[in-house]
Amino acid sequence: MASAAVTKKLREEATCPICLELMTEPVTINCGHNYCHMCIVCFTESQSSETSSVGTFRCPQCRKPFKSNNLRPNKQLGNIIETIKETDHQSLCEKHGEQLHLFCEDDGQLICWCCERTPEHKGHVTALVEDACQGYRVQLQKVVSKLKETKFNYMQLKLYTTQKISSWEEKIKCEEERIHSEFRNLHTFLHEEEEFYMCQLKEEKEQKLNRLQENVAHLDNKLQELRNCILELDKKCQGSAQDFMQGIKDTLSRNSAVNVETLEDVSLELHTVCNVSERYIRSRKMLMHYQVNVTLDPDTAHRELSLLDNQRRVLNAGEHFSTIFLRPQTAGGFRVLPCVLGRERFTSGRHYFEVEVRQGTEWGVGVCLEDVPRDTSMPGSGFWIIKLRNNKTGLALTSHATPFTLTNQPEVVGIMLDYEAGLVSFYNATTGSHIYTFPKASFSQALRPYFQVRAFSSLFLISSNE
């Protein structure tokens, strides 16, 4: 192998004096100097206007004349240049110009035989590149395996994050449906409030979705980095021993430390909480806009019931006292259940009325069809009523019974009928809380207020001007 000095000398001789690069298609002129074919042609073209002799020019180095048609290819120099180029592709020691056959374990670098005998590497552990390559190749394969495992973990993390996005969207969807349902209970009164909360919910949805999607984008970037790193290391593993061992320790150190980053865990806790009951308190004045005065119809009352205070109070004094003050049985009166209807008939529009139930131990209020049977012991189809039973639990009655929980026993119950919407809703008028709304119905007949009063109870209908 030629020494570094010889190699340097050869490169100088093979370098074009015009472009200062290794010659391409070298040619010789009359004086013996060599140039790239294109370089000397361009030189002659640029000098053609300055020379007096047609086709005669002066050498750029020695200024001796030469003819432009007398350029001779220098094949031997061309072969030397090709050899120099091939030598450039081999890893040579910068100090000694020798091939790097050895690997110094202490310094983690390729060295030549001459380097091994220098004080710089004296006493160091060295090995043939081919021998050292096998051990480091195994280590690098372990790193690649770890990177692939890390890539898999990132993919799992991305899957988990996308699932959280789906869960978040589903949770948002459920919350939207809940809010829509709650606001439907208050109909058009709370339309502006509904829109406000839906906008807040949408903003919160977008904020957390953006954060989750940023996490996904970050994971995509990490996955792409890992793919590129794995491809680079795979390519390195497939290269020559010299290329493979070049900087192997730095490569191992840089890639062995790769671990899955801990992403910010975006909580799916919902902060937009819409309490429709609180909105109801502020909307009670709007409800009052639809309040109607309801009075009791004595022709529909059970004979045990007493109607007082200008037909606005109904009393059931119990079996012992009722027998003393029994009223005559009317043709349209209830004969089994202690019930009475209001005089008012509703065939369209919105209507709201309130009933004071604080003196009632067991009662039922609501609306019913005008022609419901009077001789049944259990309300059925045609009733939209809620009852308070003696165990303080609530029961919603229509075509079937639905138990529900009363957080606080109401003292005043508000009943809202939206005839066209097919909705009957009940509220605790004292606290403003929503009690129950029946599923949407389709009304086609007249509806009347309905009151059921068990023994030792009384109900009072609150006037709109009180």
Protein backbone atom coordinates (compact mmCIF):
# COMPACT_ATOMS: atom_id res chain seq x y z
CA MET A 1 0.00 0.00 0.00
CA ALA A 2 1.36 3.40 -0.96
CA SER A 3 2.23 5.74 1.86
CA ALA A 4 0.20 8.84 2.58
CA ALA A 5 2.93 11.06 1.09
CA VAL A 6 2.98 9.09 -2.17
CA THR A 7 -0.78 9.15 -2.36
CA LYS A 8 -0.74 12.88 -1.81
CA LYS A 9 1.86 13.34 -4.58
CA LEU A 10 -0.21 11.29 -7.02
CA ARG A 11 -3.29 13.38 -6.27
CA GLU A 12 -1.34 16.57 -6.94
CA GLU A 13 -0.15 15.24 -10.30
CA ALA A 14 -3.69 14.13 -11.22
CA THR A 15 -5.29 17.45 -10.24
CA CYS A 16 -6.35 19.75 -13.08
CA PRO A 17 -4.60 23.16 -12.77
CA ILE A 18 -7.74 24.88 -14.05
CA CYS A 19 -10.61 23.38 -11.99
CA LEU A 20 -8.31 22.06 -9.19
CA GLU A 21 -10.19 18.71 -9.13
CA LEU A 22 -9.12 15.24 -10.21
CA MET A 23 -9.02 15.36 -13.99
CA THR A 24 -11.91 14.11 -16.04
CA GLU A 25 -10.94 12.70 -19.46
CA PRO A 26 -7.35 14.03 -19.07
CA VAL A 27 -5.62 15.34 -22.22
CA THR A 28 -1.99 16.39 -22.88
CA ILE A 29 -0.94 19.49 -24.86
CA ASN A 30 2.35 20.12 -26.77
CA CYS A 31 4.33 21.19 -23.70
CA GLY A 32 3.40 18.03 -21.80
CA HIS A 33 1.04 19.54 -19.27
CA ASN A 34 -2.27 17.78 -18.61
CA TYR A 35 -5.79 19.18 -18.17
CA CYS A 36 -9.42 18.06 -18.10
CA HIS A 37 -10.63 17.87 -21.67
CA MET A 38 -13.53 20.24 -21.02
CA CYS A 39 -11.40 22.63 -18.98
CA ILE A 40 -8.81 23.16 -21.76
CA VAL A 41 -11.55 23.41 -24.43
CA CYS A 42 -13.32 26.12 -22.42
CA PHE A 43 -9.95 27.83 -21.95
CA THR A 44 -9.26 27.92 -25.70
CA GLU A 45 -12.75 29.24 -26.42
CA SER A 46 -12.31 32.06 -23.93
CA GLN A 47 -8.85 32.93 -25.38
CA SER A 48 -9.79 32.72 -29.06
CA SER A 49 -10.56 36.44 -29.32
CA GLU A 50 -7.19 37.42 -27.79
CA THR A 51 -4.77 35.34 -29.90
CA SER A 52 -3.53 36.49 -33.28
CA SER A 53 -2.70 33.03 -34.64
CA VAL A 54 -5.72 31.02 -35.58
CA GLY A 55 -5.92 27.83 -33.45
CA THR A 56 -2.80 28.65 -31.42
CA PHE A 57 -2.92 29.27 -27.65
CA ARG A 58 -0.52 29.44 -24.72
CA CYS A 59 -0.34 26.87 -21.94
CA PRO A 60 -1.99 28.20 -18.71
CA GLN A 61 1.08 27.00 -16.75
CA CYS A 62 4.23 27.51 -18.84
CA ARG A 63 2.85 29.86 -21.51
CA LYS A 64 4.28 27.75 -24.36
CA PRO A 65 2.16 27.73 -27.50
CA PHE A 66 -0.07 24.76 -28.43
CA LYS A 67 -2.62 24.00 -31.11
CA SER A 68 -6.28 23.50 -30.14
CA ASN A 69 -6.48 20.61 -32.60
CA ASN A 70 -3.49 18.89 -31.02
CA LEU A 71 -5.09 17.68 -27.73
CA ARG A 72 -3.99 14.09 -27.00
CA PRO A 73 -5.93 11.86 -24.53
CA ASN A 74 -3.72 10.63 -21.65
CA LYS A 75 -5.08 7.14 -20.95
CA GLN A 76 -2.36 6.23 -18.46
CA LEU A 77 -3.12 9.29 -16.35
CA GLY A 78 -6.81 8.41 -16.62
CA ASN A 79 -6.08 4.93 -15.20
CA ILE A 80 -4.08 6.44 -12.34
CA ILE A 81 -6.99 8.77 -11.56
CA GLU A 82 -9.40 5.81 -11.44
CA THR A 83 -7.04 4.04 -9.04
CA ILE A 84 -6.89 7.13 -6.84
CA LYS A 85 -10.70 7.25 -6.79
CA GLU A 86 -10.91 3.59 -5.81
CA THR A 87 -8.36 4.20 -3.05
CA ASP A 88 -10.50 7.09 -1.78
CA HIS A 89 -13.36 4.67 -1.16
CA GLN A 90 -11.19 2.59 1.18
CA SER A 91 -10.75 3.58 4.81
CA LEU A 92 -7.12 4.61 5.24
CA CYS A 93 -5.32 5.84 8.29
CA GLU A 94 -4.96 9.61 8.07
CA LYS A 95 -1.52 9.49 9.73
CA HIS A 96 0.06 6.48 8.04
CA GLY A 97 -1.99 5.94 4.87
CA GLU A 98 -2.42 2.28 5.77
CA GLN A 99 -5.63 0.25 5.80
CA LEU A 100 -7.49 0.22 9.10
CA HIS A 101 -7.27 -3.49 9.93
CA LEU A 102 -7.53 -3.15 13.72
CA PHE A 103 -10.12 -1.88 16.23
CA CYS A 104 -8.96 -0.28 19.48
CA GLU A 105 -11.39 -1.26 22.25
CA ASP A 106 -10.08 1.39 24.65
CA ASP A 107 -10.59 4.31 22.25
CA GLY A 108 -13.40 2.79 20.22
CA GLN A 109 -11.80 3.59 16.85
CA LEU A 110 -10.31 1.90 13.80
CA ILE A 111 -6.49 1.93 13.61
CA CYS A 112 -3.77 0.57 11.36
CA TRP A 113 -0.79 -1.67 12.24
CA CYS A 114 1.43 1.39 12.61
CA CYS A 115 -1.01 3.06 15.02
CA GLU A 116 -0.93 0.01 17.29
CA ARG A 117 2.80 0.53 17.88
CA THR A 118 2.51 4.24 18.70
CA PRO A 119 2.52 5.51 22.34
CA GLU A 120 -1.06 6.71 21.80
CA HIS A 121 -2.34 3.13 21.67
CA LYS A 122 0.35 1.38 23.69
CA GLY A 123 -1.15 -1.20 26.05
CA HIS A 124 -4.61 -0.86 24.55
CA VAL A 125 -6.77 -3.88 23.77
CA THR A 126 -6.97 -4.30 20.00
CA ALA A 127 -8.52 -6.88 17.72
CA LEU A 128 -8.91 -7.51 14.04
CA VAL A 129 -11.81 -5.59 12.61
CA GLU A 130 -13.45 -8.81 11.39
CA ASP A 131 -13.23 -10.38 14.86
CA ALA A 132 -14.45 -7.31 16.74
CA CYS A 133 -17.22 -6.81 14.22
CA GLN A 134 -19.06 -10.00 15.23
CA GLY A 135 -19.43 -9.06 18.88
CA TYR A 136 -20.51 -5.53 18.14
CA ARG A 137 -22.89 -6.74 15.48
CA VAL A 138 -24.67 -8.83 18.14
CA GLN A 139 -24.82 -5.80 20.44
CA LEU A 140 -26.22 -3.63 17.68
CA GLN A 141 -28.83 -6.26 16.88
CA LYS A 142 -29.93 -6.08 20.53
CA VAL A 143 -30.23 -2.33 20.18
CA VAL A 144 -32.29 -2.79 17.02
CA SER A 145 -34.52 -5.27 18.88
CA LYS A 146 -35.00 -2.77 21.69
CA LEU A 147 -35.80 -0.03 19.19
CA LYS A 148 -38.36 -2.27 17.54
CA GLU A 149 -39.85 -2.98 20.97
CA THR A 150 -39.90 0.75 21.64
CA LYS A 151 -41.58 1.28 18.29
CA PHE A 152 -44.21 -1.31 19.25
CA ASN A 153 -44.76 0.47 22.59
CA TYR A 154 -45.24 3.75 20.77
CA MET A 155 -47.74 2.09 18.45
CA GLN A 156 -49.62 0.73 21.47
CA LEU A 157 -49.50 4.17 23.06
CA LYS A 158 -50.88 5.68 19.86
CA LEU A 159 -53.66 3.07 19.82
CA TYR A 160 -54.44 3.84 23.46
CA THR A 161 -54.53 7.56 22.69
CA THR A 162 -56.81 7.12 19.68
CA GLN A 163 -59.08 4.96 21.83
CA LYS A 164 -59.16 7.77 24.39
CA ILE A 165 -60.18 10.11 21.58
CA SER A 166 -63.04 7.76 20.70
CA SER A 167 -64.01 7.46 24.37
CA TRP A 168 -63.86 11.22 24.76
CA GLU A 169 -66.01 11.76 21.68
CA GLU A 170 -68.48 9.14 22.91
CA LYS A 171 -68.56 10.77 26.34
CA ILE A 172 -69.12 14.16 24.71
CA LYS A 173 -71.88 12.65 22.59
CA CYS A 174 -73.61 11.21 25.68
CA GLU A 175 -73.24 14.50 27.51
CA GLU A 176 -74.69 16.36 24.54
CA GLU A 177 -77.67 14.02 24.54
CA ARG A 178 -78.13 14.47 28.29
CA ILE A 179 -77.98 18.24 28.02
CA HIS A 180 -80.39 18.23 25.07
CA SER A 181 -82.78 16.06 27.05
CA GLU A 182 -82.60 18.26 30.14
CA PHE A 183 -83.16 21.40 28.12
CA ARG A 184 -86.09 19.86 26.28
CA ASN A 185 -87.74 19.52 29.68
CA LEU A 186 -87.82 23.30 29.94
CA HIS A 187 -88.75 23.71 26.25
CA THR A 188 -88.02 27.01 24.58
CA PHE A 189 -87.51 28.90 27.89
CA LEU A 190 -83.91 27.79 28.16
CA HIS A 191 -82.89 27.89 24.52
CA GLU A 192 -80.25 30.57 25.00
CA GLU A 193 -78.85 28.83 28.09
CA GLU A 194 -78.67 25.57 26.17
CA GLU A 195 -76.71 27.14 23.34
CA PHE A 196 -74.31 28.74 25.83
CA TYR A 197 -73.52 25.43 27.53
CA MET A 198 -73.26 23.57 24.25
CA CYS A 199 -70.68 26.09 23.07
CA GLN A 200 -68.72 25.63 26.29
CA LEU A 201 -68.87 21.88 25.90
CA LYS A 202 -67.75 22.14 22.28
CA GLU A 203 -64.83 24.35 23.29
CA GLU A 204 -63.79 21.89 26.00
CA LYS A 205 -64.17 19.05 23.53
CA GLU A 206 -61.93 20.79 20.99
CA GLN A 207 -59.34 21.72 23.61
CA LYS A 208 -58.90 18.17 24.85
CA LEU A 209 -59.17 16.68 21.37
CA ASN A 210 -56.42 19.06 20.22
CA ARG A 211 -54.23 17.95 23.11
CA LEU A 212 -54.91 14.29 22.37
CA GLN A 213 -54.31 14.80 18.65
CA GLU A 214 -51.07 16.63 19.46
CA ASN A 215 -50.07 13.54 21.43
CA VAL A 216 -50.89 11.39 18.39
CA ALA A 217 -48.84 13.69 16.13
CA HIS A 218 -45.96 13.53 18.60
CA LEU A 219 -46.20 9.75 18.61
CA ASP A 220 -46.20 9.73 14.79
CA ASN A 221 -43.01 11.83 14.81
CA LYS A 222 -41.39 9.47 17.30
CA LEU A 223 -42.41 6.46 15.24
CA GLN A 224 -40.95 8.04 12.10
CA GLU A 225 -37.71 8.81 13.95
CA LEU A 226 -37.53 5.20 15.10
CA ARG A 227 -38.22 3.91 11.57
CA ASN A 228 -35.45 6.10 10.16
CA CYS A 229 -33.08 5.06 12.95
CA ILE A 230 -33.85 1.37 12.43
CA LEU A 231 -33.34 1.69 8.66
CA GLU A 232 -30.03 3.49 9.25
CA LEU A 233 -28.83 0.83 11.69
CA ASP A 234 -30.02 -2.01 9.42
CA LYS A 235 -28.07 -0.39 6.58
CA LYS A 236 -25.03 -0.07 8.84
CA CYS A 237 -25.30 -3.74 9.80
CA GLN A 238 -25.25 -4.69 6.12
CA GLY A 239 -22.16 -2.61 5.31
CA SER A 240 -18.51 -3.58 5.34
CA ALA A 241 -16.76 -4.30 8.61
CA GLN A 242 -14.84 -1.04 8.39
CA ASP A 243 -18.01 1.00 7.77
CA PHE A 244 -19.83 -0.94 10.46
CA MET A 245 -17.18 -0.40 13.13
CA GLN A 246 -16.71 3.29 12.30
CA GLY A 247 -18.15 5.10 15.33
CA ILE A 248 -19.83 1.91 16.62
CA LYS A 249 -19.56 2.88 20.30
CA ASP A 250 -21.16 6.26 19.73
CA THR A 251 -23.91 4.57 17.71
CA LEU A 252 -24.56 2.06 20.49
CA SER A 253 -24.51 4.70 23.19
CA ARG A 254 -26.82 7.03 21.26
CA ASN A 255 -29.40 4.41 20.40
CA SER A 256 -29.29 2.24 23.53
CA ALA A 257 -30.64 5.07 25.66
CA VAL A 258 -33.86 5.38 23.64
CA ASN A 259 -36.93 4.79 25.80
CA VAL A 260 -40.63 5.49 25.50
CA GLU A 261 -41.38 9.01 26.65
CA THR A 262 -44.14 9.62 29.17
CA LEU A 263 -46.84 11.68 27.48
CA GLU A 264 -49.12 14.06 29.31
CA ASP A 265 -52.16 12.01 30.32
CA VAL A 266 -55.15 14.00 29.13
CA SER A 267 -57.95 13.49 31.64
CA LEU A 268 -61.37 12.71 30.20
CA GLU A 269 -63.05 14.30 33.20
CA LEU A 270 -65.78 16.62 32.00
CA HIS A 271 -65.61 20.14 33.43
CA THR A 272 -68.62 21.57 31.63
CA VAL A 273 -71.43 20.66 34.01
CA CYS A 274 -74.87 21.87 33.08
CA ASN A 275 -77.33 21.91 35.98
CA VAL A 276 -80.67 22.51 34.33
CA SER A 277 -82.37 22.83 37.71
CA GLU A 278 -80.35 25.95 38.49
CA ARG A 279 -81.34 27.33 35.14
CA TYR A 280 -84.94 26.60 36.06
CA ILE A 281 -84.81 28.89 39.10
CA ARG A 282 -83.85 31.76 36.84
CA SER A 283 -86.54 30.73 34.37
CA ARG A 284 -89.44 30.43 36.81
CA LYS A 285 -90.72 33.85 35.81
CA MET A 286 -90.95 32.61 32.24
CA LEU A 287 -92.85 29.55 33.42
CA MET A 288 -95.23 31.85 35.25
CA HIS A 289 -96.01 33.40 31.89
CA TYR A 290 -97.90 30.17 31.12
CA GLN A 291 -99.43 29.73 34.57
CA VAL A 292 -103.17 29.15 34.65
CA ASN A 293 -105.62 29.22 37.54
CA VAL A 294 -107.01 25.77 38.17
CA THR A 295 -110.12 25.08 40.24
CA LEU A 296 -111.58 21.75 41.25
CA ASP A 297 -114.61 20.21 39.56
CA PRO A 298 -116.99 18.86 42.24
CA ASP A 299 -118.83 16.75 39.63
CA THR A 300 -115.72 14.57 39.28
CA ALA A 301 -114.77 14.32 42.97
CA HIS A 302 -114.88 11.08 44.95
CA ARG A 303 -117.63 11.29 47.60
CA GLU A 304 -115.05 11.07 50.45
CA LEU A 305 -113.29 14.27 49.32
CA SER A 306 -114.19 17.72 50.58
CA LEU A 307 -113.63 20.74 48.33
CA LEU A 308 -112.87 23.98 50.18
CA ASP A 309 -111.59 27.53 49.63
CA ASN A 310 -113.61 28.26 46.51
CA GLN A 311 -112.86 24.88 44.98
CA ARG A 312 -109.08 25.32 45.33
CA ARG A 313 -108.45 22.98 48.26
CA VAL A 314 -109.26 19.26 48.44
CA LEU A 315 -109.27 17.37 51.74
CA ASN A 316 -109.47 13.68 52.61
CA ALA A 317 -110.11 13.56 56.37
CA GLY A 318 -109.95 9.79 56.57
CA GLU A 319 -112.55 7.06 56.57
CA HIS A 320 -114.06 7.91 60.03
CA PHE A 321 -114.67 11.59 59.34
CA SER A 322 -115.53 11.09 55.67
CA THR A 323 -118.52 8.90 56.52
CA ILE A 324 -119.97 11.80 58.51
CA PHE A 325 -119.67 14.31 55.68
CA LEU A 326 -120.22 12.03 52.63
CA ARG A 327 -121.37 13.92 49.57
CA PRO A 328 -123.84 12.44 47.10
CA GLN A 329 -122.22 10.32 44.39
CA THR A 330 -122.29 12.09 41.00
CA ALA A 331 -122.45 10.34 37.64
CA GLY A 332 -119.05 11.68 36.57
CA GLY A 333 -117.34 11.23 39.93
CA PHE A 334 -114.55 8.81 40.78
CA ARG A 335 -116.00 5.81 42.60
CA VAL A 336 -112.88 3.83 43.64
CA LEU A 337 -109.85 6.12 43.89
CA PRO A 338 -110.08 9.33 46.02
CA CYS A 339 -109.56 11.60 43.00
CA VAL A 340 -110.88 14.84 41.53
CA LEU A 341 -110.27 16.65 38.25
CA GLY A 342 -109.77 20.33 37.52
CA ARG A 343 -112.45 22.23 35.65
CA GLU A 344 -110.00 23.41 32.96
CA ARG A 345 -109.66 21.52 29.67
CA PHE A 346 -106.41 21.79 27.67
CA THR A 347 -106.51 21.09 23.94
CA SER A 348 -103.50 23.12 22.78
CA GLY A 349 -100.67 25.39 23.93
CA ARG A 350 -98.53 25.46 27.06
CA HIS A 351 -100.02 25.47 30.55
CA TYR A 352 -98.38 25.59 33.98
CA PHE A 353 -100.02 25.24 37.40
CA GLU A 354 -98.76 24.65 40.93
CA VAL A 355 -100.10 22.48 43.73
CA GLU A 356 -99.17 22.83 47.39
CA VAL A 357 -98.65 19.29 48.73
CA ARG A 358 -97.08 19.99 52.15
CA GLN A 359 -100.26 18.74 53.92
CA GLY A 360 -100.25 15.55 51.91
CA THR A 361 -98.84 12.27 53.25
CA GLU A 362 -99.74 10.34 50.12
CA TRP A 363 -100.90 12.07 46.96
CA GLY A 364 -100.85 12.09 43.16
CA VAL A 365 -100.94 15.04 40.74
CA GLY A 366 -100.71 15.52 36.99
CA VAL A 367 -103.02 15.47 33.97
CA CYS A 368 -105.25 12.86 32.36
CA LEU A 369 -107.59 12.42 29.43
CA GLU A 370 -111.05 13.76 30.09
CA ASP A 371 -112.74 10.40 29.56
CA VAL A 372 -110.54 8.20 31.79
CA PRO A 373 -112.49 5.49 33.65
CA ARG A 374 -113.79 6.52 37.07
CA ASP A 375 -114.26 3.03 38.52
CA THR A 376 -110.70 1.59 38.40
CA SER A 377 -108.42 1.05 41.36
CA MET A 378 -105.21 1.70 39.39
CA PRO A 379 -104.59 4.53 36.92
CA GLY A 380 -103.55 3.18 33.54
CA SER A 381 -103.42 4.45 29.99
CA GLY A 382 -104.51 8.07 29.65
CA PHE A 383 -102.82 9.27 32.88
CA TRP A 384 -99.61 11.31 33.21
CA ILE A 385 -99.25 11.63 36.96
CA ILE A 386 -96.63 11.32 39.70
CA LYS A 387 -97.43 9.97 43.15
CA LEU A 388 -95.79 10.25 46.55
CA ARG A 389 -96.26 7.02 48.46
CA ASN A 390 -96.29 6.60 52.21
CA ASN A 391 -92.69 5.30 52.12
CA LYS A 392 -91.64 8.67 50.69
CA THR A 393 -90.74 7.19 47.28
CA GLY A 394 -91.98 8.53 43.97
CA LEU A 395 -93.89 6.74 41.25
CA ALA A 396 -94.58 7.98 37.71
CA LEU A 397 -97.78 6.49 36.27
CA THR A 398 -98.94 6.37 32.67
CA SER A 399 -99.40 3.12 30.72
CA HIS A 400 -96.95 1.57 33.23
CA ALA A 401 -95.45 2.52 36.60
CA THR A 402 -91.89 3.93 36.84
CA PRO A 403 -90.33 4.38 40.30
CA PHE A 404 -88.04 7.36 40.80
CA THR A 405 -86.13 8.90 43.70
CA LEU A 406 -87.11 12.18 45.32
CA THR A 407 -84.01 13.94 46.63
CA ASN A 408 -86.15 16.30 48.67
CA GLN A 409 -89.83 15.85 49.41
CA PRO A 410 -91.50 18.78 47.59
CA GLU A 411 -93.87 21.20 49.31
CA VAL A 412 -95.09 22.72 46.04
CA VAL A 413 -95.19 20.77 42.79
CA GLY A 414 -95.22 22.59 39.44
CA ILE A 415 -96.83 20.82 36.46
CA MET A 416 -95.95 21.97 32.93
CA LEU A 417 -97.96 20.72 29.96
CA ASP A 418 -96.76 21.39 26.41
CA TYR A 419 -99.65 20.01 24.37
CA GLU A 420 -98.08 20.29 20.89
CA ALA A 421 -94.72 18.91 22.10
CA GLY A 422 -96.46 16.01 23.86
CA LEU A 423 -94.55 16.61 27.11
CA VAL A 424 -95.65 16.65 30.74
CA SER A 425 -92.97 17.75 33.23
CA PHE A 426 -92.90 18.08 37.00
CA TYR A 427 -90.78 20.41 39.15
CA ASN A 428 -90.12 21.11 42.78
CA ALA A 429 -91.36 24.71 42.65
CA THR A 430 -89.71 25.53 45.98
CA THR A 431 -86.16 24.50 45.09
CA GLY A 432 -86.47 24.73 41.31
CA SER A 433 -85.29 21.17 40.79
CA HIS A 434 -86.63 18.97 38.02
CA ILE A 435 -88.56 15.94 39.28
CA TYR A 436 -89.65 13.97 36.23
CA THR A 437 -90.64 14.28 32.56
CA PHE A 438 -92.72 11.64 30.82
CA PRO A 439 -91.60 10.31 27.44
CA LYS A 440 -92.98 12.26 24.52
CA ALA A 441 -96.62 11.48 23.78
CA SER A 442 -99.07 12.45 21.04
CA PHE A 443 -102.11 14.22 22.44
CA SER A 444 -105.31 14.30 20.42
CA GLN A 445 -107.96 14.68 23.15
CA ALA A 446 -108.65 17.19 25.89
CA LEU A 447 -106.48 16.90 29.01
CA ARG A 448 -107.57 17.92 32.52
CA PRO A 449 -105.66 18.47 35.76
CA TYR A 450 -105.75 15.40 38.02
CA PHE A 451 -105.48 15.17 41.81
CA GLN A 452 -105.47 12.11 44.06
CA VAL A 453 -105.67 12.62 47.84
CA ARG A 454 -105.25 9.74 50.29
CA ALA A 455 -106.51 9.75 53.86
CA PHE A 456 -105.40 12.56 56.20
CA SER A 457 -104.03 14.60 53.30
CA SER A 458 -105.00 17.79 51.54
CA LEU A 459 -103.86 19.61 48.40
CA PHE A 460 -104.12 23.32 47.63
CA LEU A 461 -104.10 24.87 44.15
CA ILE A 462 -101.97 28.01 44.07
CA SER A 463 -103.47 30.93 42.14
CA SER A 464 -101.38 32.77 39.56
CA ASN A 465 -101.83 36.07 41.43
CA GLU A 466 -100.56 34.75 44.77
